[in-house]
């Protein structure tokens, strides 16, 4: 009986779920680097904020050029770099990002991300 009630009522979406939906909408409807950076910097709480960065690094695997442009934007802070690098490792995406950053050595932000990626053999 409870199972049927859950099917009829549906599942609730908590703050983390809601933030994930918002994040996916922001990234799927990407308009500008500034819009994404402003969104990443907006406060959503600890767990919803982590969901936001998780969605960003997953999106980055499939949208590498946009991701790299955002990460090298002058508005990106050290905090952004730290949170992105943490989420890459936390999401198990180090191998994907090692490949993305393999030859990225021209900018300070590229080097900062490279130095934080786990398991890469960059010869740093």
C-alpha atoms as a PDB file:
ATOM      1  CA  UNK A   1       0.000   0.000   0.000  1.00  0.00           C
ATOM      2  CA  UNK A   2       2.819   2.431   0.853  1.00  0.00           C
ATOM      3  CA  UNK A   3       4.529   1.630  -2.457  1.00  0.00           C
ATOM      4  CA  UNK A   4       1.381   2.570  -4.376  1.00  0.00           C
ATOM      5  CA  UNK A   5       1.058   5.794  -2.381  1.00  0.00           C
ATOM      6  CA  UNK A   6       4.662   6.716  -3.277  1.00  0.00           C
ATOM      7  CA  UNK A   7       4.027   6.073  -6.950  1.00  0.00           C
ATOM      8  CA  UNK A   8       0.892   8.207  -6.924  1.00  0.00           C
ATOM      9  CA  UNK A   9       2.398  11.034  -4.851  1.00  0.00           C
ATOM     10  CA  UNK A  10       5.795  10.961  -6.520  1.00  0.00           C
ATOM     11  CA  UNK A  11       9.068  11.655  -4.780  1.00  0.00           C
ATOM     12  CA  UNK A  12       9.965  14.927  -3.177  1.00  0.00           C
ATOM     13  CA  UNK A  13      12.938  16.780  -4.483  1.00  0.00           C
ATOM     14  CA  UNK A  14      15.153  18.171  -1.697  1.00  0.00           C
ATOM     15  CA  UNK A  15      17.443  21.227  -1.931  1.00  0.00           C
ATOM     16  CA  UNK A  16      20.252  19.198  -3.490  1.00  0.00           C
ATOM     17  CA  UNK A  17      17.923  17.791  -6.122  1.00  0.00           C
ATOM     18  CA  UNK A  18      16.484  21.239  -6.824  1.00  0.00           C
ATOM     19  CA  UNK A  19      19.953  22.784  -7.151  1.00  0.00           C
ATOM     20  CA  UNK A  20      20.955  20.004  -9.558  1.00  0.00           C
ATOM     21  CA  UNK A  21      17.933  20.833 -11.716  1.00  0.00           C
ATOM     22  CA  UNK A  22      18.829  24.534 -11.701  1.00  0.00           C
ATOM     23  CA  UNK A  23      22.481  23.745 -12.494  1.00  0.00           C
ATOM     24  CA  UNK A  24      21.561  21.533 -15.420  1.00  0.00           C
ATOM     25  CA  UNK A  25      19.259  24.253 -16.762  1.00  0.00           C
ATOM     26  CA  UNK A  26      21.999  26.903 -16.465  1.00  0.00           C
ATOM     27  CA  UNK A  27      24.581  24.725 -18.208  1.00  0.00           C
ATOM     28  CA  UNK A  28      22.189  23.333 -20.846  1.00  0.00           C
ATOM     29  CA  UNK A  29      21.134  26.891 -21.729  1.00  0.00           C
ATOM     30  CA  UNK A  30      24.684  28.287 -21.582  1.00  0.00           C
ATOM     31  CA  UNK A  31      24.718  31.908 -22.703  1.00  0.00           C
ATOM     32  CA  UNK A  32      27.970  33.355 -21.371  1.00  0.00           C
ATOM     33  CA  UNK A  33      30.978  32.626 -19.219  1.00  0.00           C
ATOM     34  CA  UNK A  34      29.957  35.412 -16.841  1.00  0.00           C
ATOM     35  CA  UNK A  35      26.511  33.896 -16.322  1.00  0.00           C
ATOM     36  CA  UNK A  36      28.058  30.535 -15.382  1.00  0.00           C
ATOM     37  CA  UNK A  37      30.673  32.114 -13.100  1.00  0.00           C
ATOM     38  CA  UNK A  38      28.040  34.242 -11.366  1.00  0.00           C
ATOM     39  CA  UNK A  39      25.924  31.122 -10.894  1.00  0.00           C
ATOM     40  CA  UNK A  40      28.874  29.132  -9.501  1.00  0.00           C
ATOM     41  CA  UNK A  41      29.606  31.966  -7.074  1.00  0.00           C
ATOM     42  CA  UNK A  42      26.017  32.329  -5.876  1.00  0.00           C
ATOM     43  CA  UNK A  43      25.424  30.871  -2.438  1.00  0.00           C
ATOM     44  CA  UNK A  44      23.143  27.830  -2.294  1.00  0.00           C
ATOM     45  CA  UNK A  45      24.318  26.159   0.909  1.00  0.00           C
ATOM     46  CA  UNK A  46      27.026  23.562   1.394  1.00  0.00           C
ATOM     47  CA  UNK A  47      25.430  20.432  -0.090  1.00  0.00           C
ATOM     48  CA  UNK A  48      23.469  22.217  -2.834  1.00  0.00           C
ATOM     49  CA  UNK A  49      26.654  24.132  -3.699  1.00  0.00           C
ATOM     50  CA  UNK A  50      28.510  20.859  -4.081  1.00  0.00           C
ATOM     51  CA  UNK A  51      25.717  19.617  -6.368  1.00  0.00           C
ATOM     52  CA  UNK A  52      26.176  22.759  -8.474  1.00  0.00           C
ATOM     53  CA  UNK A  53      29.913  22.116  -8.901  1.00  0.00           C
ATOM     54  CA  UNK A  54      29.301  18.408  -9.565  1.00  0.00           C
ATOM     55  CA  UNK A  55      26.964  19.319 -12.407  1.00  0.00           C
ATOM     56  CA  UNK A  56      29.570  21.773 -13.729  1.00  0.00           C
ATOM     57  CA  UNK A  57      32.392  19.220 -13.898  1.00  0.00           C
ATOM     58  CA  UNK A  58      30.131  16.612 -15.532  1.00  0.00           C
ATOM     59  CA  UNK A  59      29.040  19.250 -18.071  1.00  0.00           C
ATOM     60  CA  UNK A  60      32.707  20.132 -18.615  1.00  0.00           C
ATOM     61  CA  UNK A  61      33.568  16.631 -19.814  1.00  0.00           C
ATOM     62  CA  UNK A  62      31.087  17.054 -22.672  1.00  0.00           C
ATOM     63  CA  UNK A  63      31.670  20.773 -23.266  1.00  0.00           C
ATOM     64  CA  UNK A  64      35.444  21.004 -22.952  1.00  0.00           C
ATOM     65  CA  UNK A  65      36.019  24.212 -24.904  1.00  0.00           C
ATOM     66  CA  UNK A  66      33.381  26.130 -22.941  1.00  0.00           C
ATOM     67  CA  UNK A  67      34.609  24.640 -19.667  1.00  0.00           C
ATOM     68  CA  UNK A  68      38.228  25.631 -20.374  1.00  0.00           C
ATOM     69  CA  UNK A  69      37.206  29.120 -21.451  1.00  0.00           C
ATOM     70  CA  UNK A  70      35.222  29.562 -18.221  1.00  0.00           C
ATOM     71  CA  UNK A  71      38.080  28.206 -16.095  1.00  0.00           C
ATOM     72  CA  UNK A  72      40.493  30.674 -17.720  1.00  0.00           C
ATOM     73  CA  UNK A  73      38.183  33.659 -17.396  1.00  0.00           C
ATOM     74  CA  UNK A  74      39.745  36.413 -15.238  1.00  0.00           C
ATOM     75  CA  UNK A  75      36.658  36.283 -12.972  1.00  0.00           C
ATOM     76  CA  UNK A  76      37.467  32.703 -11.864  1.00  0.00           C
ATOM     77  CA  UNK A  77      38.846  32.764  -8.335  1.00  0.00           C
ATOM     78  CA  UNK A  78      41.206  30.468  -6.501  1.00  0.00           C
ATOM     79  CA  UNK A  79      38.164  29.235  -4.573  1.00  0.00           C
ATOM     80  CA  UNK A  80      36.461  28.270  -7.856  1.00  0.00           C
ATOM     81  CA  UNK A  81      39.557  26.364  -8.962  1.00  0.00           C
ATOM     82  CA  UNK A  82      39.777  24.540  -5.631  1.00  0.00           C
ATOM     83  CA  UNK A  83      36.089  23.572  -5.682  1.00  0.00           C
ATOM     84  CA  UNK A  84      36.246  22.391  -9.298  1.00  0.00           C
ATOM     85  CA  UNK A  85      39.382  20.312  -8.662  1.00  0.00           C
ATOM     86  CA  UNK A  86      37.799  18.782  -5.559  1.00  0.00           C
ATOM     87  CA  UNK A  87      34.609  17.869  -7.444  1.00  0.00           C
ATOM     88  CA  UNK A  88      36.584  16.364 -10.330  1.00  0.00           C
ATOM     89  CA  UNK A  89      38.232  13.972  -7.877  1.00  0.00           C
ATOM     90  CA  UNK A  90      35.101  13.435  -5.809  1.00  0.00           C
ATOM     91  CA  UNK A  91      33.070  12.539  -8.912  1.00  0.00           C
ATOM     92  CA  UNK A  92      35.735  10.097 -10.133  1.00  0.00           C
ATOM     93  CA  UNK A  93      36.442  12.175 -13.231  1.00  0.00           C
ATOM     94  CA  UNK A  94      40.205  12.556 -12.794  1.00  0.00           C
ATOM     95  CA  UNK A  95      41.030  10.389 -15.824  1.00  0.00           C
ATOM     96  CA  UNK A  96      38.772  12.465 -18.072  1.00  0.00           C
ATOM     97  CA  UNK A  97      40.252  15.719 -16.821  1.00  0.00           C
ATOM     98  CA  UNK A  98      43.827  14.429 -16.999  1.00  0.00           C
ATOM     99  CA  UNK A  99      43.202  14.003 -20.733  1.00  0.00           C
ATOM    100  CA  UNK A 100      41.556  17.425 -21.033  1.00  0.00           C
ATOM    101  CA  UNK A 101      44.446  19.163 -19.244  1.00  0.00           C
ATOM    102  CA  UNK A 102      47.257  16.999 -20.649  1.00  0.00           C
ATOM    103  CA  UNK A 103      48.657  19.712 -22.924  1.00  0.00           C
ATOM    104  CA  UNK A 104      47.214  22.749 -21.129  1.00  0.00           C
ATOM    105  CA  UNK A 105      50.219  24.663 -19.784  1.00  0.00           C
ATOM    106  CA  UNK A 106      49.804  28.190 -21.159  1.00  0.00           C
ATOM    107  CA  UNK A 107      47.853  29.865 -18.374  1.00  0.00           C
ATOM    108  CA  UNK A 108      48.152  30.185 -14.628  1.00  0.00           C
ATOM    109  CA  UNK A 109      44.657  28.739 -14.115  1.00  0.00           C
ATOM    110  CA  UNK A 110      45.416  25.710 -16.303  1.00  0.00           C
ATOM    111  CA  UNK A 111      48.526  25.032 -14.236  1.00  0.00           C
ATOM    112  CA  UNK A 112      46.564  25.491 -10.999  1.00  0.00           C
ATOM    113  CA  UNK A 113      43.971  22.911 -12.042  1.00  0.00           C
ATOM    114  CA  UNK A 114      46.652  20.515 -13.342  1.00  0.00           C
ATOM    115  CA  UNK A 115      48.489  20.662 -10.021  1.00  0.00           C
ATOM    116  CA  UNK A 116      45.334  19.622  -8.154  1.00  0.00           C
ATOM    117  CA  UNK A 117      44.227  16.733 -10.365  1.00  0.00           C
ATOM    118  CA  UNK A 118      44.781  13.346  -8.778  1.00  0.00           C
ATOM    119  CA  UNK A 119      46.451  10.511 -10.649  1.00  0.00           C
ATOM    120  CA  UNK A 120      47.708  12.502 -13.634  1.00  0.00           C
ATOM    121  CA  UNK A 121      51.224  11.876 -14.862  1.00  0.00           C
ATOM    122  CA  UNK A 122      52.071  15.369 -16.074  1.00  0.00           C
ATOM    123  CA  UNK A 123      55.637  15.335 -14.779  1.00  0.00           C
ATOM    124  CA  UNK A 124      55.026  18.431 -12.661  1.00  0.00           C
END
